[in-house]
Amino acid sequence: MDIHCQKIIPAMKTMKDFEKFLNSRYMCGVLLEIHISQLKSVFHYARQHGKKLIVHADLIQGLSHDEHGAEYLCQEFHPHGLISTRGNVIIKAKQKKVLAIQRVFLLDSHALEKSYQLIEKTEPDCIEVIPGAMPHMIREVKERTGKPIYAGGLIRTIDDVERALEAGAVAVTTSNKDLWKHYEER
């Protein structure tokens, strides 16, 4: 199953979330807030279950959030992808042939323009728009960049998911296990 076939991409904050993901029908998930010492066993179990992991490189505890940390992640664990707000991490992920997902925070117009400049420079494979509960902004970012969009952050309801997808997001990243369950059962 291609990652873009999943409407929901489970985002895991805890080992309990990870266990739930392993026992789900989802093929791909996002690792958030994990300690570097847990990566080896997490990747081992994910591979045993035929799962692909995208690592949020900025949230790995005990690892530098720069191109050297990204290189380490790619060489040691071979993730399906890396998510980051940092341009140098995105560039390194692309060099290592890992799905490069640029995270963009929609704070204000100035931050958005800076993000567009960074996207032009880094040429990520995909963009994660935070918060994802803003369909008009998902549409704008997709039209302006031409990149696949993931919607994440403040997605709380099925309606939020559906609006993000209708606005052009290819998937929604969420830690909301009720949403995982709802879309897994479809």
N, C-alpha and C. Protein backbone atom coordinates (compact mmCIF):
# COMPACT_ATOMS: atom_id res chain seq x y z
N MET A 1 0.84 -1.19 0.00
CA MET A 1 0.00 0.00 0.00
C MET A 1 0.89 1.24 0.00
N ASP A 2 0.63 2.15 -0.91
CA ASP A 2 1.34 3.42 -0.97
C ASP A 2 0.87 4.30 0.17
N ILE A 3 1.78 5.07 0.74
CA ILE A 3 1.43 5.94 1.86
C ILE A 3 0.29 6.89 1.49
N HIS A 4 0.25 7.33 0.25
CA HIS A 4 -0.80 8.27 -0.15
C HIS A 4 -2.16 7.61 -0.28
N CYS A 5 -2.23 6.29 -0.11
CA CYS A 5 -3.52 5.60 -0.09
C CYS A 5 -4.16 5.67 1.29
N GLN A 6 -3.38 5.99 2.31
CA GLN A 6 -3.90 6.14 3.66
C GLN A 6 -4.46 7.54 3.82
N LYS A 7 -5.70 7.65 4.24
CA LYS A 7 -6.26 8.98 4.53
C LYS A 7 -5.74 9.48 5.86
N ILE A 8 -5.46 8.55 6.75
CA ILE A 8 -4.93 8.87 8.08
C ILE A 8 -3.54 8.27 8.19
N ILE A 9 -2.61 9.07 8.69
CA ILE A 9 -1.27 8.57 9.01
C ILE A 9 -1.13 8.72 10.52
N PRO A 10 -1.20 7.60 11.25
CA PRO A 10 -1.11 7.68 12.71
C PRO A 10 0.19 8.33 13.16
N ALA A 11 0.07 9.26 14.10
CA ALA A 11 1.23 9.91 14.71
C ALA A 11 1.33 9.40 16.14
N MET A 12 2.49 8.85 16.48
CA MET A 12 2.66 8.15 17.76
C MET A 12 3.53 8.94 18.72
N LYS A 13 2.98 9.25 19.89
CA LYS A 13 3.70 9.98 20.92
C LYS A 13 4.28 9.07 22.00
N THR A 14 3.69 7.88 22.16
CA THR A 14 4.10 6.98 23.24
C THR A 14 4.30 5.57 22.69
N MET A 15 4.90 4.73 23.52
CA MET A 15 5.08 3.33 23.13
C MET A 15 3.72 2.62 23.06
N LYS A 16 2.79 3.05 23.86
CA LYS A 16 1.44 2.47 23.79
C LYS A 16 0.80 2.79 22.44
N ASP A 17 1.01 4.03 21.96
CA ASP A 17 0.54 4.40 20.62
C ASP A 17 1.21 3.52 19.56
N PHE A 18 2.50 3.30 19.73
CA PHE A 18 3.26 2.49 18.77
C PHE A 18 2.70 1.06 18.72
N GLU A 19 2.42 0.49 19.88
CA GLU A 19 1.84 -0.86 19.93
C GLU A 19 0.50 -0.90 19.22
N LYS A 20 -0.31 0.11 19.42
CA LYS A 20 -1.62 0.19 18.75
C LYS A 20 -1.42 0.26 17.23
N PHE A 21 -0.45 1.04 16.80
CA PHE A 21 -0.13 1.16 15.38
C PHE A 21 0.31 -0.20 14.82
N LEU A 22 1.18 -0.91 15.54
CA LEU A 22 1.66 -2.21 15.07
C LEU A 22 0.52 -3.19 14.84
N ASN A 23 -0.50 -3.09 15.66
CA ASN A 23 -1.64 -4.01 15.56
C ASN A 23 -2.76 -3.47 14.69
N SER A 24 -2.51 -2.40 13.98
CA SER A 24 -3.51 -1.80 13.10
C SER A 24 -3.29 -2.26 11.66
N ARG A 25 -4.21 -1.87 10.79
CA ARG A 25 -4.06 -2.16 9.36
C ARG A 25 -3.24 -1.08 8.65
N TYR A 26 -2.87 -0.01 9.34
CA TYR A 26 -2.10 1.05 8.71
C TYR A 26 -0.70 0.56 8.36
N MET A 27 -0.24 0.96 7.19
CA MET A 27 1.07 0.56 6.70
C MET A 27 2.16 1.52 7.19
N CYS A 28 1.81 2.80 7.32
CA CYS A 28 2.80 3.84 7.60
C CYS A 28 2.34 4.72 8.76
N GLY A 29 3.29 5.11 9.60
CA GLY A 29 2.99 5.99 10.73
C GLY A 29 4.14 6.93 10.98
N VAL A 30 3.87 7.94 11.82
CA VAL A 30 4.85 8.96 12.16
C VAL A 30 5.28 8.81 13.62
N LEU A 31 6.59 8.74 13.84
CA LEU A 31 7.14 8.71 15.20
C LEU A 31 7.35 10.13 15.69
N LEU A 32 6.74 10.45 16.81
CA LEU A 32 6.92 11.74 17.47
C LEU A 32 7.56 11.52 18.83
N GLU A 33 8.29 12.47 19.32
CA GLU A 33 8.77 12.51 20.71
C GLU A 33 9.27 11.17 21.23
N ILE A 34 10.27 10.64 20.60
CA ILE A 34 10.86 9.37 21.03
C ILE A 34 12.32 9.61 21.40
N HIS A 35 12.81 8.84 22.35
CA HIS A 35 14.22 8.97 22.74
C HIS A 35 15.07 8.15 21.78
N ILE A 36 16.24 8.66 21.50
CA ILE A 36 17.15 8.01 20.55
C ILE A 36 17.42 6.55 20.92
N SER A 37 17.46 6.26 22.22
CA SER A 37 17.76 4.89 22.67
C SER A 37 16.66 3.90 22.31
N GLN A 38 15.45 4.36 21.99
CA GLN A 38 14.34 3.48 21.65
C GLN A 38 14.26 3.18 20.15
N LEU A 39 14.98 3.93 19.34
CA LEU A 39 14.84 3.81 17.89
C LEU A 39 15.15 2.42 17.36
N LYS A 40 16.21 1.80 17.84
CA LYS A 40 16.61 0.49 17.32
C LYS A 40 15.48 -0.53 17.50
N SER A 41 14.93 -0.62 18.70
CA SER A 41 13.88 -1.62 18.93
C SER A 41 12.58 -1.24 18.22
N VAL A 42 12.26 0.04 18.14
CA VAL A 42 11.05 0.48 17.45
C VAL A 42 11.12 0.12 15.97
N PHE A 43 12.24 0.39 15.34
CA PHE A 43 12.39 0.04 13.92
C PHE A 43 12.38 -1.49 13.72
N HIS A 44 12.98 -2.20 14.64
CA HIS A 44 12.98 -3.67 14.56
C HIS A 44 11.54 -4.20 14.57
N TYR A 45 10.74 -3.76 15.53
CA TYR A 45 9.35 -4.23 15.62
C TYR A 45 8.51 -3.76 14.43
N ALA A 46 8.77 -2.54 13.97
CA ALA A 46 8.02 -2.04 12.81
C ALA A 46 8.29 -2.94 11.59
N ARG A 47 9.55 -3.28 11.37
CA ARG A 47 9.89 -4.14 10.23
C ARG A 47 9.28 -5.53 10.38
N GLN A 48 9.29 -6.06 11.60
CA GLN A 48 8.68 -7.38 11.83
C GLN A 48 7.20 -7.38 11.45
N HIS A 49 6.55 -6.23 11.62
CA HIS A 49 5.12 -6.12 11.33
C HIS A 49 4.84 -5.54 9.94
N GLY A 50 5.90 -5.36 9.15
CA GLY A 50 5.72 -4.85 7.79
C GLY A 50 5.29 -3.39 7.73
N LYS A 51 5.68 -2.60 8.73
CA LYS A 51 5.28 -1.19 8.82
C LYS A 51 6.41 -0.27 8.38
N LYS A 52 6.01 0.88 7.84
CA LYS A 52 6.97 1.93 7.45
C LYS A 52 6.85 3.08 8.44
N LEU A 53 8.01 3.63 8.81
CA LEU A 53 8.01 4.72 9.78
C LEU A 53 8.57 6.00 9.18
N ILE A 54 7.86 7.08 9.45
CA ILE A 54 8.33 8.42 9.16
C ILE A 54 8.74 9.00 10.51
N VAL A 55 9.93 9.55 10.58
CA VAL A 55 10.44 10.08 11.84
C VAL A 55 10.38 11.60 11.83
N HIS A 56 9.81 12.15 12.88
CA HIS A 56 9.85 13.61 13.02
C HIS A 56 11.21 13.95 13.61
N ALA A 57 12.14 14.31 12.76
CA ALA A 57 13.54 14.48 13.14
C ALA A 57 13.74 15.56 14.20
N ASP A 58 12.86 16.55 14.26
CA ASP A 58 13.02 17.64 15.22
C ASP A 58 12.62 17.22 16.64
N LEU A 59 11.95 16.09 16.78
CA LEU A 59 11.42 15.68 18.08
C LEU A 59 12.13 14.47 18.69
N ILE A 60 13.23 14.02 18.07
CA ILE A 60 13.98 12.89 18.63
C ILE A 60 14.83 13.40 19.79
N GLN A 61 14.53 12.90 20.97
CA GLN A 61 15.27 13.31 22.16
C GLN A 61 16.65 12.68 22.15
N GLY A 62 17.68 13.49 22.41
CA GLY A 62 19.05 13.00 22.46
C GLY A 62 19.75 13.01 21.12
N LEU A 63 19.13 13.59 20.10
CA LEU A 63 19.73 13.64 18.76
C LEU A 63 19.75 15.09 18.30
N SER A 64 20.83 15.48 17.69
CA SER A 64 20.94 16.82 17.14
C SER A 64 19.92 16.99 16.00
N HIS A 65 19.25 18.11 15.96
CA HIS A 65 18.20 18.36 14.97
C HIS A 65 18.78 19.09 13.76
N ASP A 66 19.83 18.52 13.19
CA ASP A 66 20.49 19.15 12.04
C ASP A 66 20.76 18.08 10.99
N GLU A 67 21.53 18.44 9.97
CA GLU A 67 21.79 17.50 8.88
C GLU A 67 22.58 16.27 9.35
N HIS A 68 23.39 16.43 10.41
CA HIS A 68 24.15 15.29 10.93
C HIS A 68 23.22 14.28 11.61
N GLY A 69 22.26 14.79 12.36
CA GLY A 69 21.26 13.92 12.97
C GLY A 69 20.43 13.23 11.91
N ALA A 70 20.07 13.96 10.86
CA ALA A 70 19.28 13.38 9.76
C ALA A 70 20.08 12.29 9.06
N GLU A 71 21.35 12.53 8.84
CA GLU A 71 22.19 11.53 8.19
C GLU A 71 22.28 10.27 9.05
N TYR A 72 22.44 10.44 10.34
CA TYR A 72 22.48 9.31 11.26
C TYR A 72 21.18 8.50 11.18
N LEU A 73 20.03 9.18 11.24
CA LEU A 73 18.74 8.49 11.15
C LEU A 73 18.63 7.69 9.86
N CYS A 74 19.01 8.32 8.76
CA CYS A 74 18.90 7.66 7.45
C CYS A 74 19.83 6.46 7.33
N GLN A 75 21.06 6.61 7.79
CA GLN A 75 22.03 5.53 7.64
C GLN A 75 21.78 4.38 8.61
N GLU A 76 21.40 4.68 9.83
CA GLU A 76 21.23 3.65 10.85
C GLU A 76 19.88 2.95 10.80
N PHE A 77 18.82 3.68 10.44
CA PHE A 77 17.47 3.13 10.59
C PHE A 77 16.68 3.04 9.29
N HIS A 78 17.13 3.72 8.26
CA HIS A 78 16.47 3.68 6.95
C HIS A 78 14.96 3.94 7.07
N PRO A 79 14.58 5.10 7.63
CA PRO A 79 13.14 5.38 7.75
C PRO A 79 12.51 5.58 6.37
N HIS A 80 11.20 5.45 6.32
CA HIS A 80 10.48 5.73 5.08
C HIS A 80 10.57 7.22 4.76
N GLY A 81 10.58 8.04 5.82
CA GLY A 81 10.65 9.48 5.61
C GLY A 81 11.09 10.22 6.86
N LEU A 82 11.44 11.49 6.65
CA LEU A 82 11.76 12.41 7.75
C LEU A 82 10.86 13.63 7.62
N ILE A 83 10.35 14.09 8.75
CA ILE A 83 9.61 15.36 8.83
C ILE A 83 10.49 16.33 9.59
N SER A 84 10.55 17.58 9.11
CA SER A 84 11.31 18.60 9.82
C SER A 84 10.88 19.99 9.38
N THR A 85 11.10 20.94 10.26
CA THR A 85 10.93 22.35 9.90
C THR A 85 12.23 22.91 9.34
N ARG A 86 13.31 22.17 9.49
CA ARG A 86 14.65 22.65 9.13
C ARG A 86 15.03 22.26 7.70
N GLY A 87 15.44 23.26 6.96
CA GLY A 87 15.81 23.05 5.56
C GLY A 87 16.95 22.08 5.37
N ASN A 88 17.97 22.16 6.23
CA ASN A 88 19.14 21.28 6.08
C ASN A 88 18.78 19.81 6.31
N VAL A 89 17.78 19.55 7.15
CA VAL A 89 17.32 18.18 7.38
C VAL A 89 16.59 17.66 6.14
N ILE A 90 15.77 18.51 5.54
CA ILE A 90 15.03 18.14 4.33
C ILE A 90 16.00 17.85 3.19
N ILE A 91 17.00 18.69 3.03
CA ILE A 91 17.99 18.48 1.97
C ILE A 91 18.74 17.17 2.17
N LYS A 92 19.11 16.87 3.42
CA LYS A 92 19.83 15.62 3.71
C LYS A 92 18.92 14.41 3.46
N ALA A 93 17.67 14.50 3.83
CA ALA A 93 16.73 13.39 3.58
C ALA A 93 16.64 13.11 2.08
N LYS A 94 16.55 14.16 1.28
CA LYS A 94 16.48 13.98 -0.17
C LYS A 94 17.76 13.34 -0.71
N GLN A 95 18.91 13.78 -0.19
CA GLN A 95 20.18 13.19 -0.61
C GLN A 95 20.23 11.70 -0.29
N LYS A 96 19.62 11.31 0.82
CA LYS A 96 19.64 9.91 1.26
C LYS A 96 18.46 9.12 0.68
N LYS A 97 17.71 9.75 -0.21
CA LYS A 97 16.59 9.09 -0.90
C LYS A 97 15.50 8.62 0.07
N VAL A 98 15.24 9.47 1.07
CA VAL A 98 14.20 9.25 2.06
C VAL A 98 13.12 10.30 1.80
N LEU A 99 11.85 9.93 1.97
CA LEU A 99 10.76 10.88 1.78
C LEU A 99 11.00 12.10 2.67
N ALA A 100 11.09 13.27 2.06
CA ALA A 100 11.41 14.51 2.77
C ALA A 100 10.13 15.34 2.91
N ILE A 101 9.69 15.53 4.16
CA ILE A 101 8.44 16.23 4.44
C ILE A 101 8.75 17.50 5.22
N GLN A 102 8.53 18.64 4.57
CA GLN A 102 8.78 19.94 5.19
C GLN A 102 7.56 20.31 6.02
N ARG A 103 7.75 20.51 7.31
CA ARG A 103 6.66 20.93 8.19
C ARG A 103 6.59 22.45 8.17
N VAL A 104 5.37 22.96 7.93
CA VAL A 104 5.14 24.40 7.83
C VAL A 104 4.10 24.80 8.86
N PHE A 105 4.45 25.76 9.73
CA PHE A 105 3.52 26.29 10.71
C PHE A 105 2.84 27.53 10.14
N LEU A 106 1.53 27.53 10.15
CA LEU A 106 0.76 28.66 9.63
C LEU A 106 0.50 29.64 10.77
N LEU A 107 1.52 30.42 11.12
CA LEU A 107 1.40 31.36 12.23
C LEU A 107 0.81 32.69 11.79
N ASP A 108 1.36 33.21 10.70
CA ASP A 108 0.90 34.49 10.15
C ASP A 108 1.43 34.60 8.72
N SER A 109 1.10 35.70 8.05
CA SER A 109 1.49 35.87 6.64
C SER A 109 3.01 35.89 6.46
N HIS A 110 3.70 36.52 7.38
CA HIS A 110 5.16 36.60 7.29
C HIS A 110 5.78 35.20 7.38
N ALA A 111 5.33 34.41 8.35
CA ALA A 111 5.86 33.05 8.51
C ALA A 111 5.54 32.21 7.28
N LEU A 112 4.37 32.39 6.71
CA LEU A 112 4.00 31.64 5.52
C LEU A 112 4.91 31.99 4.34
N GLU A 113 5.18 33.27 4.15
CA GLU A 113 6.08 33.68 3.06
C GLU A 113 7.49 33.12 3.26
N LYS A 114 7.96 33.12 4.49
CA LYS A 114 9.27 32.53 4.79
C LYS A 114 9.26 31.03 4.48
N SER A 115 8.15 30.37 4.79
CA SER A 115 8.02 28.95 4.49
C SER A 115 8.06 28.70 2.99
N TYR A 116 7.37 29.53 2.23
CA TYR A 116 7.41 29.38 0.76
C TYR A 116 8.83 29.52 0.23
N GLN A 117 9.58 30.47 0.79
CA GLN A 117 10.98 30.65 0.37
C GLN A 117 11.81 29.40 0.69
N LEU A 118 11.58 28.84 1.88
CA LEU A 118 12.31 27.64 2.29
C LEU A 118 11.94 26.46 1.39
N ILE A 119 10.66 26.33 1.07
CA ILE A 119 10.20 25.23 0.20
C ILE A 119 10.84 25.33 -1.19
N GLU A 120 10.95 26.55 -1.71
CA GLU A 120 11.61 26.73 -3.01
C GLU A 120 13.06 26.26 -2.96
N LYS A 121 13.71 26.53 -1.84
CA LYS A 121 15.12 26.18 -1.67
C LYS A 121 15.32 24.68 -1.47
N THR A 122 14.47 24.06 -0.65
CA THR A 122 14.69 22.66 -0.26
C THR A 122 14.02 21.66 -1.19
N GLU A 123 12.97 22.07 -1.91
CA GLU A 123 12.25 21.17 -2.81
C GLU A 123 11.84 19.86 -2.12
N PRO A 124 11.08 19.94 -1.01
CA PRO A 124 10.67 18.71 -0.31
C PRO A 124 9.76 17.86 -1.19
N ASP A 125 9.62 16.60 -0.82
CA ASP A 125 8.71 15.72 -1.53
C ASP A 125 7.26 16.04 -1.18
N CYS A 126 7.03 16.41 0.08
CA CYS A 126 5.70 16.71 0.60
C CYS A 126 5.81 17.84 1.61
N ILE A 127 4.65 18.40 1.94
CA ILE A 127 4.58 19.47 2.94
C ILE A 127 3.53 19.07 3.97
N GLU A 128 3.88 19.20 5.24
CA GLU A 128 2.89 19.02 6.30
C GLU A 128 2.49 20.40 6.80
N VAL A 129 1.21 20.72 6.68
CA VAL A 129 0.67 22.01 7.08
C VAL A 129 0.11 21.89 8.49
N ILE A 130 0.59 22.77 9.38
CA ILE A 130 0.17 22.81 10.78
C ILE A 130 -0.37 24.21 11.08
N PRO A 131 -1.55 24.42 11.59
CA PRO A 131 -2.58 23.42 11.86
C PRO A 131 -3.29 23.01 10.57
N GLY A 132 -3.71 21.76 10.57
CA GLY A 132 -4.36 21.21 9.39
C GLY A 132 -5.86 21.47 9.32
N ALA A 133 -6.38 22.14 10.33
CA ALA A 133 -7.82 22.41 10.38
C ALA A 133 -8.14 23.74 9.71
N MET A 134 -7.38 24.07 8.66
CA MET A 134 -7.58 25.32 7.91
C MET A 134 -7.64 24.99 6.42
N PRO A 135 -8.79 24.52 5.94
CA PRO A 135 -8.88 24.06 4.55
C PRO A 135 -8.45 25.10 3.51
N HIS A 136 -8.80 26.35 3.72
CA HIS A 136 -8.43 27.37 2.72
C HIS A 136 -6.91 27.53 2.62
N MET A 137 -6.20 27.31 3.71
CA MET A 137 -4.74 27.41 3.68
C MET A 137 -4.12 26.15 3.05
N ILE A 138 -4.74 25.01 3.26
CA ILE A 138 -4.27 23.78 2.60
C ILE A 138 -4.34 23.98 1.09
N ARG A 139 -5.48 24.52 0.63
CA ARG A 139 -5.66 24.78 -0.80
C ARG A 139 -4.59 25.74 -1.32
N GLU A 140 -4.36 26.82 -0.58
CA GLU A 140 -3.37 27.82 -1.01
C GLU A 140 -1.97 27.23 -1.10
N VAL A 141 -1.55 26.51 -0.07
CA VAL A 141 -0.20 25.94 -0.05
C VAL A 141 -0.05 24.92 -1.19
N LYS A 142 -1.08 24.12 -1.41
CA LYS A 142 -1.02 23.14 -2.50
C LYS A 142 -0.90 23.84 -3.85
N GLU A 143 -1.73 24.86 -4.07
CA GLU A 143 -1.71 25.58 -5.35
C GLU A 143 -0.38 26.29 -5.56
N ARG A 144 0.13 26.90 -4.52
CA ARG A 144 1.36 27.69 -4.65
C ARG A 144 2.60 26.81 -4.83
N THR A 145 2.61 25.62 -4.19
CA THR A 145 3.82 24.79 -4.23
C THR A 145 3.73 23.63 -5.22
N GLY A 146 2.53 23.15 -5.48
CA GLY A 146 2.37 21.98 -6.34
C GLY A 146 2.80 20.68 -5.68
N LYS A 147 3.01 20.70 -4.38
CA LYS A 147 3.48 19.52 -3.63
C LYS A 147 2.31 18.81 -2.95
N PRO A 148 2.43 17.49 -2.72
CA PRO A 148 1.42 16.80 -1.91
C PRO A 148 1.42 17.39 -0.50
N ILE A 149 0.23 17.53 0.07
CA ILE A 149 0.07 18.15 1.38
C ILE A 149 -0.46 17.15 2.39
N TYR A 150 0.17 17.11 3.55
CA TYR A 150 -0.37 16.42 4.71
C TYR A 150 -0.91 17.51 5.63
N ALA A 151 -2.06 17.25 6.24
CA ALA A 151 -2.64 18.17 7.20
C ALA A 151 -2.42 17.58 8.59
N GLY A 152 -1.93 18.37 9.51
CA GLY A 152 -1.70 17.89 10.87
C GLY A 152 -1.96 18.99 11.88
N GLY A 153 -2.19 18.60 13.09
CA GLY A 153 -2.38 19.58 14.15
C GLY A 153 -3.80 20.11 14.23
N LEU A 154 -4.40 19.97 15.39
CA LEU A 154 -5.75 20.46 15.69
C LEU A 154 -6.83 19.80 14.84
N ILE A 155 -6.54 18.61 14.34
CA ILE A 155 -7.54 17.80 13.64
C ILE A 155 -8.21 16.96 14.72
N ARG A 156 -9.47 17.29 15.02
CA ARG A 156 -10.12 16.64 16.16
C ARG A 156 -11.33 15.80 15.79
N THR A 157 -11.90 16.05 14.62
CA THR A 157 -13.15 15.37 14.28
C THR A 157 -13.07 14.77 12.87
N ILE A 158 -14.02 13.90 12.58
CA ILE A 158 -14.13 13.34 11.24
C ILE A 158 -14.36 14.46 10.23
N ASP A 159 -15.17 15.46 10.61
CA ASP A 159 -15.39 16.61 9.72
C ASP A 159 -14.09 17.35 9.42
N ASP A 160 -13.22 17.51 10.42
CA ASP A 160 -11.92 18.16 10.20
C ASP A 160 -11.11 17.37 9.18
N VAL A 161 -11.11 16.05 9.30
CA VAL A 161 -10.37 15.19 8.37
C VAL A 161 -10.94 15.36 6.96
N GLU A 162 -12.25 15.25 6.85
CA GLU A 162 -12.90 15.33 5.54
C GLU A 162 -12.68 16.69 4.88
N ARG A 163 -12.75 17.77 5.65
CA ARG A 163 -12.51 19.12 5.08
C ARG A 163 -11.07 19.25 4.59
N ALA A 164 -10.12 18.71 5.35
CA ALA A 164 -8.71 18.78 4.94
C ALA A 164 -8.50 18.00 3.64
N LEU A 165 -9.09 16.82 3.54
CA LEU A 165 -8.95 16.00 2.33
C LEU A 165 -9.64 16.67 1.14
N GLU A 166 -10.82 17.22 1.36
CA GLU A 166 -11.53 17.92 0.28
C GLU A 166 -10.77 19.15 -0.19
N ALA A 167 -9.99 19.76 0.70
CA ALA A 167 -9.20 20.94 0.34
C ALA A 167 -7.94 20.58 -0.43
N GLY A 168 -7.63 19.28 -0.52
CA GLY A 168 -6.48 18.88 -1.31
C GLY A 168 -5.39 18.14 -0.56
N ALA A 169 -5.54 17.95 0.75
CA ALA A 169 -4.54 17.16 1.48
C ALA A 169 -4.60 15.72 1.00
N VAL A 170 -3.44 15.08 0.85
CA VAL A 170 -3.43 13.66 0.47
C VAL A 170 -3.68 12.78 1.68
N ALA A 171 -3.38 13.30 2.87
CA ALA A 171 -3.58 12.54 4.11
C ALA A 171 -3.57 13.50 5.30
N VAL A 172 -4.00 12.97 6.42
CA VAL A 172 -4.00 13.71 7.68
C VAL A 172 -3.12 12.96 8.66
N THR A 173 -2.17 13.64 9.28
CA THR A 173 -1.37 13.05 10.34
C THR A 173 -2.07 13.40 11.65
N THR A 174 -2.31 12.39 12.48
CA THR A 174 -3.01 12.66 13.73
C THR A 174 -2.62 11.66 14.81
N SER A 175 -2.62 12.14 16.04
CA SER A 175 -2.41 11.25 17.19
C SER A 175 -3.74 10.85 17.81
N ASN A 176 -4.85 11.30 17.24
CA ASN A 176 -6.19 11.01 17.75
C ASN A 176 -6.57 9.57 17.37
N LYS A 177 -6.53 8.69 18.37
CA LYS A 177 -6.77 7.27 18.11
C LYS A 177 -8.21 6.97 17.71
N ASP A 178 -9.16 7.81 18.08
CA ASP A 178 -10.54 7.63 17.61
C ASP A 178 -10.60 7.81 16.10
N LEU A 179 -9.84 8.76 15.57
CA LEU A 179 -9.79 8.96 14.11
C LEU A 179 -9.07 7.80 13.44
N TRP A 180 -8.02 7.29 14.06
CA TRP A 180 -7.32 6.12 13.51
C TRP A 180 -8.34 5.00 13.31
N LYS A 181 -9.09 4.74 14.40
CA LYS A 181 -10.05 3.63 14.39
C LYS A 181 -11.13 3.84 13.34
N HIS A 182 -11.67 5.04 13.27
CA HIS A 182 -12.75 5.32 12.33
C HIS A 182 -12.32 5.03 10.88
N TYR A 183 -11.15 5.53 10.50
CA TYR A 183 -10.70 5.37 9.11
C TYR A 183 -10.12 3.99 8.84
N GLU A 184 -9.66 3.31 9.87
CA GLU A 184 -9.16 1.95 9.68
C GLU A 184 -10.32 1.00 9.37
N GLU A 185 -11.47 1.29 9.93
CA GLU A 185 -12.64 0.42 9.77
C GLU A 185 -13.35 0.64 8.44
N ARG A 186 -12.98 1.66 7.69
CA ARG A 186 -13.66 1.96 6.42
C ARG A 186 -13.16 1.11 5.30
